[in-house]
């Protein structure tokens, strides 16, 4: 075969790639997985979807550093009211804004 050429095609896949996820894997026996992705990839995807849902709801993310004493009081108040920390903070800020108007 003098003069013949051999082409080697090298394909790469990414974990989030939904079309080629099983292209190079061997079929495994046993109970089927509910998701073909490993746990860290599942967390990345679900977090991305949660950020998009929150964005469409008009919510924005902020980070606040508070003294541990305040956080303990906040946790106790949230538990008493049956709300999350974020809901307690949001309700308090809304009341403060209403009082100033």
N, C-alpha and C. Protein backbone atom coordinates (compact mmCIF):
# COMPACT_ATOMS: atom_id res chain seq x y z
N UNK A 1 0.81 -1.18 0.00
CA UNK A 1 0.00 0.00 0.00
C UNK A 1 0.86 1.25 0.00
N UNK A 2 1.64 1.35 -0.93
CA UNK A 2 2.51 2.51 -1.04
C UNK A 2 1.68 3.73 -1.40
N UNK A 3 1.96 4.81 -0.74
CA UNK A 3 1.28 6.06 -1.04
C UNK A 3 -0.08 6.22 -0.40
N UNK A 4 -0.55 5.22 0.36
CA UNK A 4 -1.86 5.39 1.01
C UNK A 4 -1.70 6.20 2.29
N UNK A 5 -2.73 6.90 2.60
CA UNK A 5 -2.70 7.75 3.79
C UNK A 5 -3.67 7.21 4.83
N UNK A 6 -3.30 7.36 6.06
CA UNK A 6 -4.16 6.94 7.16
C UNK A 6 -4.53 8.19 7.94
N UNK A 7 -5.82 8.39 8.12
CA UNK A 7 -6.30 9.53 8.89
C UNK A 7 -6.77 9.04 10.25
N UNK A 8 -6.33 9.72 11.27
CA UNK A 8 -6.76 9.40 12.62
C UNK A 8 -7.56 10.59 13.12
N UNK A 9 -8.75 10.30 13.51
CA UNK A 9 -9.62 11.36 14.02
C UNK A 9 -9.66 11.24 15.54
N UNK A 10 -9.28 12.29 16.20
CA UNK A 10 -9.31 12.31 17.65
C UNK A 10 -10.43 13.25 18.08
N UNK A 11 -11.36 12.70 18.85
CA UNK A 11 -12.50 13.50 19.31
C UNK A 11 -12.39 13.67 20.82
N UNK A 12 -12.76 14.81 21.27
CA UNK A 12 -12.77 15.02 22.72
C UNK A 12 -14.21 15.29 23.14
N UNK A 13 -14.50 14.93 24.36
CA UNK A 13 -15.83 15.18 24.89
C UNK A 13 -15.70 15.93 26.19
N UNK A 14 -16.74 16.64 26.54
CA UNK A 14 -16.81 17.31 27.84
C UNK A 14 -17.91 16.64 28.63
N UNK A 15 -17.78 16.70 29.97
CA UNK A 15 -18.76 16.03 30.81
C UNK A 15 -20.17 16.56 30.59
N UNK A 16 -20.31 17.87 30.32
CA UNK A 16 -21.64 18.46 30.15
C UNK A 16 -22.22 18.22 28.76
N UNK A 17 -21.43 17.62 27.87
CA UNK A 17 -21.88 17.39 26.51
C UNK A 17 -22.94 16.30 26.51
N UNK A 18 -24.15 16.63 26.13
CA UNK A 18 -25.26 15.69 26.22
C UNK A 18 -25.34 14.74 25.03
N UNK A 19 -24.69 15.09 23.92
CA UNK A 19 -24.83 14.24 22.73
C UNK A 19 -23.77 13.16 22.64
N UNK A 20 -22.58 13.40 23.20
CA UNK A 20 -21.53 12.40 23.08
C UNK A 20 -21.15 11.77 24.41
N UNK A 21 -22.01 11.88 25.41
CA UNK A 21 -21.67 11.39 26.73
C UNK A 21 -21.42 9.88 26.73
N UNK A 22 -22.17 9.14 25.94
CA UNK A 22 -22.01 7.69 25.94
C UNK A 22 -21.31 7.17 24.69
N UNK A 23 -20.75 8.03 23.92
CA UNK A 23 -20.15 7.64 22.65
C UNK A 23 -18.93 6.73 22.84
N UNK A 24 -18.14 7.00 23.87
CA UNK A 24 -16.91 6.26 24.05
C UNK A 24 -16.94 5.35 25.27
N UNK A 25 -18.05 5.27 25.94
CA UNK A 25 -18.11 4.45 27.15
C UNK A 25 -18.66 3.07 26.84
N UNK A 26 -18.22 2.11 27.66
CA UNK A 26 -18.73 0.76 27.50
C UNK A 26 -20.07 0.65 28.23
N UNK A 27 -20.99 -0.12 27.71
CA UNK A 27 -22.25 -0.29 28.44
C UNK A 27 -21.98 -1.04 29.75
N UNK A 28 -22.53 -0.52 30.84
CA UNK A 28 -22.30 -1.13 32.13
C UNK A 28 -23.51 -1.97 32.52
N UNK A 29 -23.25 -3.02 33.24
CA UNK A 29 -24.32 -3.88 33.71
C UNK A 29 -24.79 -3.39 35.07
N UNK A 30 -25.96 -3.84 35.43
CA UNK A 30 -26.48 -3.49 36.75
C UNK A 30 -27.61 -2.48 36.66
N UNK A 31 -27.93 -1.93 37.79
CA UNK A 31 -29.02 -0.98 37.89
C UNK A 31 -28.67 0.29 37.11
N UNK A 32 -29.57 0.76 36.23
CA UNK A 32 -29.26 1.94 35.44
C UNK A 32 -29.22 3.19 36.33
N UNK A 33 -28.35 4.09 35.98
CA UNK A 33 -28.24 5.35 36.70
C UNK A 33 -29.38 6.26 36.29
N UNK A 34 -29.78 7.14 37.21
CA UNK A 34 -30.79 8.13 36.84
C UNK A 34 -30.16 9.26 36.05
N UNK A 35 -28.86 9.45 36.19
CA UNK A 35 -28.16 10.47 35.44
C UNK A 35 -26.81 9.92 34.99
N UNK A 36 -26.41 10.20 33.76
CA UNK A 36 -25.12 9.69 33.29
C UNK A 36 -23.92 10.47 33.82
N UNK A 37 -24.16 11.59 34.50
CA UNK A 37 -23.08 12.45 34.96
C UNK A 37 -22.63 12.06 36.36
N UNK A 38 -21.37 12.35 36.67
CA UNK A 38 -20.89 12.13 38.02
C UNK A 38 -21.46 13.21 38.94
N UNK A 39 -21.28 13.03 40.24
CA UNK A 39 -21.94 13.90 41.22
C UNK A 39 -21.52 15.36 41.08
N UNK A 40 -20.24 15.62 40.86
CA UNK A 40 -19.80 17.01 40.77
C UNK A 40 -20.40 17.70 39.54
N UNK A 41 -20.51 16.98 38.44
CA UNK A 41 -21.13 17.56 37.24
C UNK A 41 -22.61 17.80 37.45
N UNK A 42 -23.28 16.87 38.14
CA UNK A 42 -24.70 17.06 38.45
C UNK A 42 -24.91 18.31 39.28
N UNK A 43 -24.03 18.54 40.26
CA UNK A 43 -24.15 19.72 41.10
C UNK A 43 -23.95 21.00 40.29
N UNK A 44 -22.97 20.99 39.38
CA UNK A 44 -22.74 22.16 38.53
C UNK A 44 -23.97 22.47 37.68
N UNK A 45 -24.52 21.42 37.07
CA UNK A 45 -25.70 21.62 36.21
C UNK A 45 -26.90 22.12 36.99
N UNK A 46 -27.15 21.51 38.16
CA UNK A 46 -28.33 21.92 38.94
C UNK A 46 -28.15 23.33 39.48
N UNK A 47 -26.92 23.70 39.86
CA UNK A 47 -26.68 25.06 40.34
C UNK A 47 -26.88 26.07 39.23
N UNK A 48 -26.43 25.72 38.02
CA UNK A 48 -26.64 26.61 36.87
C UNK A 48 -28.13 26.81 36.60
N UNK A 49 -28.89 25.71 36.66
CA UNK A 49 -30.34 25.81 36.44
C UNK A 49 -31.00 26.64 37.53
N UNK A 50 -30.55 26.47 38.79
CA UNK A 50 -31.12 27.25 39.88
C UNK A 50 -30.82 28.74 39.71
N UNK A 51 -29.60 29.07 39.30
CA UNK A 51 -29.26 30.48 39.07
C UNK A 51 -30.13 31.07 37.96
N UNK A 52 -30.38 30.30 36.90
CA UNK A 52 -31.24 30.78 35.82
C UNK A 52 -32.67 30.97 36.29
N UNK A 53 -33.20 30.04 37.11
CA UNK A 53 -34.56 30.19 37.64
C UNK A 53 -34.66 31.45 38.50
N UNK A 54 -33.68 31.65 39.37
CA UNK A 54 -33.68 32.82 40.23
C UNK A 54 -33.58 34.11 39.42
N UNK A 55 -32.76 34.09 38.37
CA UNK A 55 -32.60 35.26 37.52
C UNK A 55 -33.92 35.63 36.85
N UNK A 56 -34.65 34.62 36.37
CA UNK A 56 -35.93 34.88 35.71
C UNK A 56 -36.99 35.36 36.70
N UNK A 57 -36.82 35.01 37.98
CA UNK A 57 -37.74 35.49 39.02
C UNK A 57 -37.40 36.91 39.46
N UNK A 58 -36.30 37.45 38.94
CA UNK A 58 -35.89 38.80 39.31
C UNK A 58 -35.05 38.84 40.58
N UNK A 59 -34.53 37.72 40.98
CA UNK A 59 -33.72 37.66 42.19
C UNK A 59 -32.25 37.85 41.84
N UNK A 60 -31.52 38.46 42.78
CA UNK A 60 -30.07 38.63 42.60
C UNK A 60 -29.37 38.10 43.83
N UNK A 61 -28.19 37.58 43.63
CA UNK A 61 -27.43 36.97 44.71
C UNK A 61 -26.47 37.99 45.31
N UNK A 62 -26.43 38.03 46.66
CA UNK A 62 -25.46 38.85 47.35
C UNK A 62 -24.80 38.00 48.43
N UNK A 63 -23.64 38.43 48.86
CA UNK A 63 -22.96 37.74 49.94
C UNK A 63 -22.74 38.73 51.06
N UNK A 64 -23.07 38.33 52.28
CA UNK A 64 -22.95 39.19 53.43
C UNK A 64 -22.19 38.45 54.51
N UNK A 65 -21.25 39.12 55.13
CA UNK A 65 -20.53 38.54 56.26
C UNK A 65 -21.05 39.19 57.53
N UNK A 66 -21.52 38.36 58.45
CA UNK A 66 -22.09 38.85 59.70
C UNK A 66 -21.38 38.24 60.89
N UNK A 67 -21.46 38.92 62.01
CA UNK A 67 -20.93 38.41 63.26
C UNK A 67 -21.68 37.13 63.64
N UNK A 68 -21.00 36.16 64.23
CA UNK A 68 -21.63 34.88 64.56
C UNK A 68 -22.79 35.04 65.55
N UNK A 69 -22.71 36.04 66.44
CA UNK A 69 -23.83 36.28 67.37
C UNK A 69 -25.10 36.68 66.61
N UNK A 70 -24.94 37.50 65.61
CA UNK A 70 -26.10 37.94 64.81
C UNK A 70 -26.67 36.77 64.03
N UNK A 71 -25.80 35.91 63.53
CA UNK A 71 -26.26 34.75 62.76
C UNK A 71 -27.05 33.80 63.67
N UNK A 72 -26.62 33.63 64.90
CA UNK A 72 -27.37 32.78 65.84
C UNK A 72 -28.75 33.35 66.12
N UNK A 73 -28.84 34.67 66.32
CA UNK A 73 -30.14 35.32 66.53
C UNK A 73 -31.00 35.18 65.27
N UNK A 74 -30.39 35.35 64.12
CA UNK A 74 -31.10 35.22 62.85
C UNK A 74 -31.63 33.80 62.66
N UNK A 75 -30.82 32.80 62.99
CA UNK A 75 -31.26 31.41 62.88
C UNK A 75 -32.43 31.11 63.83
N UNK A 76 -32.34 31.61 65.05
CA UNK A 76 -33.43 31.40 66.02
C UNK A 76 -34.70 32.07 65.54
N UNK A 77 -34.59 33.29 65.04
CA UNK A 77 -35.76 34.01 64.53
C UNK A 77 -36.36 33.30 63.33
N UNK A 78 -35.53 32.82 62.44
CA UNK A 78 -36.01 32.10 61.26
C UNK A 78 -36.74 30.83 61.66
N UNK A 79 -36.20 30.12 62.65
CA UNK A 79 -36.85 28.89 63.11
C UNK A 79 -38.20 29.19 63.77
N UNK A 80 -38.25 30.25 64.58
CA UNK A 80 -39.51 30.64 65.24
C UNK A 80 -40.58 31.03 64.23
N UNK A 81 -40.17 31.72 63.18
CA UNK A 81 -41.13 32.18 62.17
C UNK A 81 -41.41 31.13 61.09
N UNK A 82 -40.59 30.08 61.05
CA UNK A 82 -40.76 29.06 60.02
C UNK A 82 -40.34 29.55 58.65
N UNK A 83 -39.36 30.43 58.62
CA UNK A 83 -38.86 30.99 57.37
C UNK A 83 -37.38 30.68 57.21
N UNK A 84 -36.86 30.96 56.04
CA UNK A 84 -35.42 30.81 55.82
C UNK A 84 -34.72 32.11 56.25
N UNK A 85 -33.41 32.04 56.36
CA UNK A 85 -32.65 33.25 56.70
C UNK A 85 -32.91 34.36 55.70
N UNK A 86 -32.88 34.00 54.42
CA UNK A 86 -33.07 35.00 53.37
C UNK A 86 -34.44 35.67 53.48
N UNK A 87 -35.46 34.87 53.79
CA UNK A 87 -36.82 35.44 53.91
C UNK A 87 -36.91 36.37 55.11
N UNK A 88 -36.26 36.01 56.21
CA UNK A 88 -36.27 36.89 57.39
C UNK A 88 -35.58 38.21 57.08
N UNK A 89 -34.42 38.14 56.43
CA UNK A 89 -33.69 39.36 56.08
C UNK A 89 -34.50 40.21 55.11
N UNK A 90 -35.09 39.56 54.10
CA UNK A 90 -35.88 40.30 53.11
C UNK A 90 -37.08 40.97 53.76
N UNK A 91 -37.79 40.25 54.64
CA UNK A 91 -38.96 40.84 55.31
C UNK A 91 -38.53 42.01 56.20
N UNK A 92 -37.42 41.87 56.90
CA UNK A 92 -36.93 42.96 57.75
C UNK A 92 -36.55 44.19 56.95
N UNK A 93 -35.89 43.98 55.82
CA UNK A 93 -35.52 45.11 54.98
C UNK A 93 -36.75 45.79 54.37
N UNK A 94 -37.73 44.98 53.98
CA UNK A 94 -38.96 45.57 53.40
C UNK A 94 -39.68 46.41 54.46
N UNK A 95 -39.75 45.93 55.70
CA UNK A 95 -40.38 46.71 56.77
C UNK A 95 -39.62 48.01 57.03
N UNK A 96 -38.30 47.91 57.02
CA UNK A 96 -37.48 49.11 57.23
C UNK A 96 -37.72 50.13 56.12
N UNK A 97 -37.81 49.65 54.89
CA UNK A 97 -38.10 50.57 53.77
C UNK A 97 -39.49 51.18 53.88
N UNK A 98 -40.47 50.38 54.32
CA UNK A 98 -41.84 50.89 54.48
C UNK A 98 -41.91 51.96 55.56
N UNK A 99 -41.14 51.79 56.65
CA UNK A 99 -41.13 52.76 57.73
C UNK A 99 -40.51 54.09 57.30
N UNK A 100 -39.53 54.03 56.43
CA UNK A 100 -38.86 55.24 55.97
C UNK A 100 -39.68 56.01 54.94
N UNK A 101 -40.65 55.37 54.34
CA UNK A 101 -41.47 56.07 53.32
C UNK A 101 -42.60 56.82 53.91
